[in-house]
Amino acid sequence: MGSFSIWHWIVVLAIVLLLFGTGRVSNLMGDLAKGVKAFKKGLQDDEGDQKAAGDQPKVLTADSAKPATTVEKDEAVKH
């Protein structure tokens, strides 16, 4: 029940190729490669968006903080 020998994996590979055919397996590998490329491109796009937003983080200070606006009684009644 331990590790499998190289012959075991060769037989398994042969059965998979017989069941699915070489065309389907190559198409599946091609689709997998496209998915990996799209994932990597998405990661690069996210990093680019973060850099475009600004290299410096936004810091909230007491001077830049605005108090929350209060709703007047007339506006609360209208809604």
N, C-alpha and C. Protein backbone atom coordinates (compact mmCIF):
# COMPACT_ATOMS: atom_id res chain seq x y z
N MET A 1 0.80 -1.19 0.00
CA MET A 1 0.00 0.00 0.00
C MET A 1 0.85 1.26 0.00
N GLY A 2 2.12 1.14 -0.06
CA GLY A 2 3.02 2.29 -0.04
C GLY A 2 3.04 3.00 -1.37
N SER A 3 4.21 3.31 -1.83
CA SER A 3 4.34 4.03 -3.09
C SER A 3 4.14 3.09 -4.27
N PHE A 4 3.76 3.68 -5.38
CA PHE A 4 3.53 2.90 -6.58
C PHE A 4 4.79 2.92 -7.43
N SER A 5 4.98 1.85 -8.17
CA SER A 5 6.17 1.75 -9.03
C SER A 5 5.94 2.54 -10.32
N ILE A 6 7.00 2.73 -11.06
CA ILE A 6 6.91 3.44 -12.34
C ILE A 6 6.01 2.69 -13.31
N TRP A 7 5.98 1.36 -13.22
CA TRP A 7 5.15 0.57 -14.12
C TRP A 7 3.67 0.81 -13.84
N HIS A 8 3.34 1.01 -12.60
CA HIS A 8 1.95 1.31 -12.25
C HIS A 8 1.52 2.61 -12.93
N TRP A 9 2.34 3.64 -12.84
CA TRP A 9 1.99 4.93 -13.43
C TRP A 9 1.94 4.86 -14.95
N ILE A 10 2.79 4.04 -15.57
CA ILE A 10 2.75 3.87 -17.03
C ILE A 10 1.44 3.21 -17.45
N VAL A 11 0.99 2.21 -16.70
CA VAL A 11 -0.27 1.54 -17.02
C VAL A 11 -1.44 2.52 -16.83
N VAL A 12 -1.43 3.29 -15.77
CA VAL A 12 -2.49 4.26 -15.53
C VAL A 12 -2.53 5.30 -16.66
N LEU A 13 -1.36 5.78 -17.06
CA LEU A 13 -1.29 6.75 -18.16
C LEU A 13 -1.82 6.14 -19.46
N ALA A 14 -1.49 4.91 -19.73
CA ALA A 14 -1.98 4.24 -20.95
C ALA A 14 -3.50 4.11 -20.92
N ILE A 15 -4.06 3.77 -19.78
CA ILE A 15 -5.51 3.63 -19.68
C ILE A 15 -6.19 4.99 -19.88
N VAL A 16 -5.63 6.04 -19.30
CA VAL A 16 -6.20 7.38 -19.46
C VAL A 16 -6.16 7.78 -20.93
N LEU A 17 -5.05 7.52 -21.60
CA LEU A 17 -4.94 7.88 -23.02
C LEU A 17 -5.92 7.07 -23.87
N LEU A 18 -6.14 5.80 -23.53
CA LEU A 18 -7.11 5.00 -24.28
C LEU A 18 -8.53 5.49 -24.06
N LEU A 19 -8.86 5.87 -22.84
CA LEU A 19 -10.22 6.31 -22.55
C LEU A 19 -10.52 7.68 -23.16
N PHE A 20 -9.62 8.61 -23.00
CA PHE A 20 -9.90 9.98 -23.43
C PHE A 20 -9.29 10.31 -24.79
N GLY A 21 -8.32 9.58 -25.23
CA GLY A 21 -7.66 9.88 -26.50
C GLY A 21 -6.65 10.99 -26.34
N THR A 22 -5.67 11.02 -27.22
CA THR A 22 -4.61 12.01 -27.10
C THR A 22 -5.11 13.41 -27.41
N GLY A 23 -6.09 13.53 -28.29
CA GLY A 23 -6.62 14.85 -28.65
C GLY A 23 -7.30 15.53 -27.48
N ARG A 24 -8.08 14.77 -26.74
CA ARG A 24 -8.79 15.34 -25.60
C ARG A 24 -7.83 15.71 -24.49
N VAL A 25 -6.83 14.90 -24.25
CA VAL A 25 -5.86 15.19 -23.20
C VAL A 25 -5.07 16.44 -23.57
N SER A 26 -4.66 16.58 -24.82
CA SER A 26 -3.90 17.76 -25.22
C SER A 26 -4.77 19.02 -25.15
N ASN A 27 -6.05 18.90 -25.52
CA ASN A 27 -6.97 20.03 -25.40
C ASN A 27 -7.15 20.43 -23.94
N LEU A 28 -7.23 19.44 -23.07
CA LEU A 28 -7.39 19.71 -21.65
C LEU A 28 -6.16 20.43 -21.11
N MET A 29 -4.97 19.99 -21.51
CA MET A 29 -3.74 20.63 -21.06
C MET A 29 -3.63 22.06 -21.62
N GLY A 30 -4.08 22.26 -22.85
CA GLY A 30 -4.07 23.59 -23.44
C GLY A 30 -5.01 24.53 -22.70
N ASP A 31 -6.20 24.03 -22.34
CA ASP A 31 -7.14 24.84 -21.58
C ASP A 31 -6.59 25.17 -20.20
N LEU A 32 -5.90 24.22 -19.59
CA LEU A 32 -5.30 24.45 -18.29
C LEU A 32 -4.22 25.53 -18.39
N ALA A 33 -3.42 25.48 -19.44
CA ALA A 33 -2.36 26.48 -19.63
C ALA A 33 -2.97 27.87 -19.85
N LYS A 34 -4.06 27.95 -20.61
CA LYS A 34 -4.73 29.24 -20.82
C LYS A 34 -5.27 29.79 -19.51
N GLY A 35 -5.80 28.92 -18.67
CA GLY A 35 -6.32 29.35 -17.38
C GLY A 35 -5.22 29.89 -16.48
N VAL A 36 -4.06 29.23 -16.49
CA VAL A 36 -2.93 29.69 -15.68
C VAL A 36 -2.45 31.05 -16.18
N LYS A 37 -2.37 31.21 -17.50
CA LYS A 37 -1.93 32.49 -18.07
C LYS A 37 -2.91 33.61 -17.73
N ALA A 38 -4.20 33.32 -17.79
CA ALA A 38 -5.21 34.33 -17.46
C ALA A 38 -5.13 34.70 -15.98
N PHE A 39 -4.85 33.72 -15.13
CA PHE A 39 -4.72 33.98 -13.71
C PHE A 39 -3.52 34.88 -13.44
N LYS A 40 -2.39 34.59 -14.08
CA LYS A 40 -1.19 35.41 -13.90
C LYS A 40 -1.42 36.83 -14.42
N LYS A 41 -2.10 36.95 -15.55
CA LYS A 41 -2.39 38.27 -16.11
C LYS A 41 -3.30 39.05 -15.17
N GLY A 42 -4.25 38.38 -14.56
CA GLY A 42 -5.14 39.04 -13.60
C GLY A 42 -4.38 39.54 -12.39
N LEU A 43 -3.41 38.76 -11.93
CA LEU A 43 -2.60 39.21 -10.80
C LEU A 43 -1.78 40.43 -11.17
N GLN A 44 -1.22 40.45 -12.37
CA GLN A 44 -0.43 41.59 -12.82
C GLN A 44 -1.32 42.83 -12.97
N ASP A 45 -2.54 42.65 -13.46
CA ASP A 45 -3.47 43.77 -13.62
C ASP A 45 -3.83 44.36 -12.26
N ASP A 46 -4.03 43.49 -11.26
CA ASP A 46 -4.35 43.98 -9.92
C ASP A 46 -3.19 44.78 -9.34
N GLU A 47 -1.97 44.32 -9.55
CA GLU A 47 -0.81 45.04 -9.05
C GLU A 47 -0.68 46.38 -9.77
N GLY A 48 -0.96 46.41 -11.06
CA GLY A 48 -0.90 47.65 -11.83
C GLY A 48 -1.95 48.64 -11.37
N ASP A 49 -3.15 48.16 -11.03
CA ASP A 49 -4.21 49.04 -10.54
C ASP A 49 -3.82 49.65 -9.20
N GLN A 50 -3.19 48.87 -8.36
CA GLN A 50 -2.78 49.39 -7.05
C GLN A 50 -1.70 50.45 -7.21
N LYS A 51 -0.78 50.26 -8.13
CA LYS A 51 0.27 51.25 -8.36
C LYS A 51 -0.31 52.51 -8.99
N ALA A 52 -1.31 52.34 -9.86
CA ALA A 52 -1.91 53.49 -10.51
C ALA A 52 -2.72 54.32 -9.51
N ALA A 53 -3.24 53.69 -8.49
CA ALA A 53 -4.04 54.40 -7.50
C ALA A 53 -3.17 55.31 -6.65
N GLY A 54 -1.91 55.06 -6.63
CA GLY A 54 -1.00 55.91 -5.85
C GLY A 54 -0.06 55.05 -5.05
N ASP A 55 1.18 55.46 -5.03
CA ASP A 55 2.17 54.70 -4.31
C ASP A 55 2.11 54.96 -2.81
N GLN A 56 1.60 56.12 -2.43
CA GLN A 56 1.56 56.44 -1.03
C GLN A 56 0.19 56.07 -0.45
N PRO A 57 0.18 55.47 0.73
CA PRO A 57 -1.10 55.13 1.34
C PRO A 57 -1.81 56.39 1.83
N LYS A 58 -3.11 56.33 1.86
CA LYS A 58 -3.89 57.46 2.34
C LYS A 58 -3.87 57.44 3.86
N VAL A 59 -3.58 58.59 4.43
CA VAL A 59 -3.51 58.71 5.87
C VAL A 59 -4.62 59.65 6.31
N LEU A 60 -5.41 59.21 7.26
CA LEU A 60 -6.49 60.02 7.78
C LEU A 60 -6.00 60.74 9.02
N THR A 61 -6.03 62.05 8.97
CA THR A 61 -5.60 62.85 10.12
C THR A 61 -6.80 63.59 10.68
N ALA A 62 -6.62 64.19 11.83
CA ALA A 62 -7.71 64.93 12.46
C ALA A 62 -8.11 66.13 11.61
N ASP A 63 -7.18 66.72 10.91
CA ASP A 63 -7.49 67.88 10.07
C ASP A 63 -8.29 67.50 8.84
N SER A 64 -8.02 66.31 8.29
CA SER A 64 -8.70 65.91 7.06
C SER A 64 -10.01 65.19 7.32
N ALA A 65 -10.24 64.78 8.57
CA ALA A 65 -11.48 64.08 8.89
C ALA A 65 -12.62 65.07 8.99
N LYS A 66 -13.73 64.73 8.39
CA LYS A 66 -14.91 65.59 8.43
C LYS A 66 -15.94 64.95 9.36
N PRO A 67 -16.62 65.74 10.14
CA PRO A 67 -17.65 65.15 11.01
C PRO A 67 -18.81 64.64 10.16
N ALA A 68 -19.48 63.64 10.66
CA ALA A 68 -20.62 63.09 9.95
C ALA A 68 -21.74 64.12 9.93
N THR A 69 -22.42 64.21 8.81
CA THR A 69 -23.52 65.17 8.70
C THR A 69 -24.73 64.62 9.43
N THR A 70 -25.47 65.50 10.01
CA THR A 70 -26.67 65.08 10.73
C THR A 70 -27.87 65.29 9.83
N VAL A 71 -28.84 64.46 9.99
CA VAL A 71 -30.06 64.56 9.21
C VAL A 71 -31.02 65.46 9.98
N GLU A 72 -31.51 66.44 9.32
CA GLU A 72 -32.44 67.36 9.96
C GLU A 72 -33.79 66.69 10.10
N LYS A 73 -34.56 67.17 11.01
CA LYS A 73 -35.86 66.56 11.30
C LYS A 73 -36.77 66.58 10.08
N ASP A 74 -36.74 67.66 9.32
CA ASP A 74 -37.60 67.77 8.14
C ASP A 74 -37.23 66.72 7.09
N GLU A 75 -35.93 66.48 6.91
CA GLU A 75 -35.49 65.48 5.93
C GLU A 75 -35.86 64.09 6.39
N ALA A 76 -35.79 63.81 7.69
CA ALA A 76 -36.12 62.49 8.20
C ALA A 76 -37.61 62.21 8.01
N VAL A 77 -38.45 63.21 8.11
CA VAL A 77 -39.87 63.01 7.96
C VAL A 77 -40.22 62.73 6.51
N LYS A 78 -39.50 63.36 5.58
CA LYS A 78 -39.78 63.18 4.15
C LYS A 78 -39.51 61.76 3.70
N HIS A 79 -38.51 61.12 4.28
CA HIS A 79 -38.13 59.78 3.85
C HIS A 79 -38.98 58.83 4.58
